[in-house]
């Protein structure tokens, strides 16, 4: 008696979640980045992964491979 009701509830909740994801509810566009003369790159010394930050949230370097990444600033040519 309880199983059909539980199955119907799971189905209704699942389809509602999929419908919301398809509609893009809650997706806000990213703020436009201000063009800068210098690009700030971070790179991992262990695996050589590079990360370009478009919008900087804080002055703390991100972590990769368990260690802080090193900051590198490039000037446009």
Protein backbone atom coordinates (compact mmCIF):
# COMPACT_ATOMS: atom_id res chain seq x y z
CA UNK A 1 0.00 0.00 0.00
CA UNK A 2 2.84 2.37 0.81
CA UNK A 3 5.12 1.45 -2.12
CA UNK A 4 2.93 2.90 -4.93
CA UNK A 5 2.50 6.16 -3.03
CA UNK A 6 6.24 6.41 -2.38
CA UNK A 7 7.00 5.62 -6.03
CA UNK A 8 4.59 8.30 -7.23
CA UNK A 9 6.18 10.84 -4.87
CA UNK A 10 9.71 10.02 -6.07
CA UNK A 11 8.54 10.29 -9.70
CA UNK A 12 6.82 13.66 -9.11
CA UNK A 13 9.81 15.15 -7.30
CA UNK A 14 12.25 13.81 -9.91
CA UNK A 15 10.31 15.21 -12.87
CA UNK A 16 9.94 18.58 -11.11
CA UNK A 17 13.70 18.74 -10.53
CA UNK A 18 14.44 17.85 -14.15
CA UNK A 19 11.93 20.44 -15.38
CA UNK A 20 13.62 23.14 -13.26
CA UNK A 21 17.08 22.18 -14.54
CA UNK A 22 15.87 22.29 -18.14
CA UNK A 23 14.33 25.73 -17.64
CA UNK A 24 17.53 27.11 -16.13
CA UNK A 25 15.98 28.34 -12.91
CA UNK A 26 18.54 30.18 -10.81
CA UNK A 27 21.12 30.60 -13.57
CA UNK A 28 22.41 34.15 -13.36
CA UNK A 29 24.73 35.47 -16.07
CA UNK A 30 28.31 36.05 -15.01
CA UNK A 31 29.27 39.68 -14.45
CA UNK A 32 31.32 41.15 -17.29
CA UNK A 33 35.02 41.25 -16.62
CA UNK A 34 36.77 44.59 -16.78
CA UNK A 35 39.58 44.48 -19.34
CA UNK A 36 42.96 44.90 -17.76
CA UNK A 37 46.43 45.56 -19.12
CA UNK A 38 47.95 42.69 -17.15
CA UNK A 39 46.73 39.09 -16.92
CA UNK A 40 47.17 37.29 -13.63
CA UNK A 41 48.00 33.64 -14.01
CA UNK A 42 48.55 31.05 -11.31
CA UNK A 43 50.61 27.96 -11.99
CA UNK A 44 51.27 24.77 -10.07
CA UNK A 45 54.94 23.95 -9.66
CA UNK A 46 54.29 20.20 -9.30
CA UNK A 47 52.19 19.49 -12.40
CA UNK A 48 52.51 22.74 -14.46
CA UNK A 49 48.76 23.43 -14.46
CA UNK A 50 47.96 27.06 -15.26
CA UNK A 51 44.90 28.99 -14.11
CA UNK A 52 43.79 32.35 -15.49
CA UNK A 53 41.49 34.32 -13.19
CA UNK A 54 39.08 36.63 -14.98
CA UNK A 55 37.57 38.06 -11.80
CA UNK A 56 39.71 37.97 -8.70
CA UNK A 57 37.76 37.22 -5.53
CA UNK A 58 40.55 37.59 -3.00
CA UNK A 59 44.31 38.05 -2.79
CA UNK A 60 44.89 34.46 -1.63
CA UNK A 61 46.38 32.13 -4.22
CA UNK A 62 44.32 29.01 -5.02
CA UNK A 63 45.54 25.53 -4.11
CA UNK A 64 46.40 22.71 -6.50
CA UNK A 65 48.16 19.38 -5.78
CA UNK A 66 47.90 20.25 -2.08
CA UNK A 67 50.10 23.36 -2.29
CA UNK A 68 49.53 27.02 -3.05
CA UNK A 69 49.88 28.00 -6.70
CA UNK A 70 52.47 30.60 -7.72
CA UNK A 71 51.33 33.91 -9.17
CA UNK A 72 52.65 35.06 -12.54
CA UNK A 73 51.68 38.34 -14.19
CA UNK A 74 51.98 38.70 -17.95
CA UNK A 75 51.95 42.01 -19.78
CA UNK A 76 50.40 42.13 -23.27
CA UNK A 77 52.80 42.52 -26.16
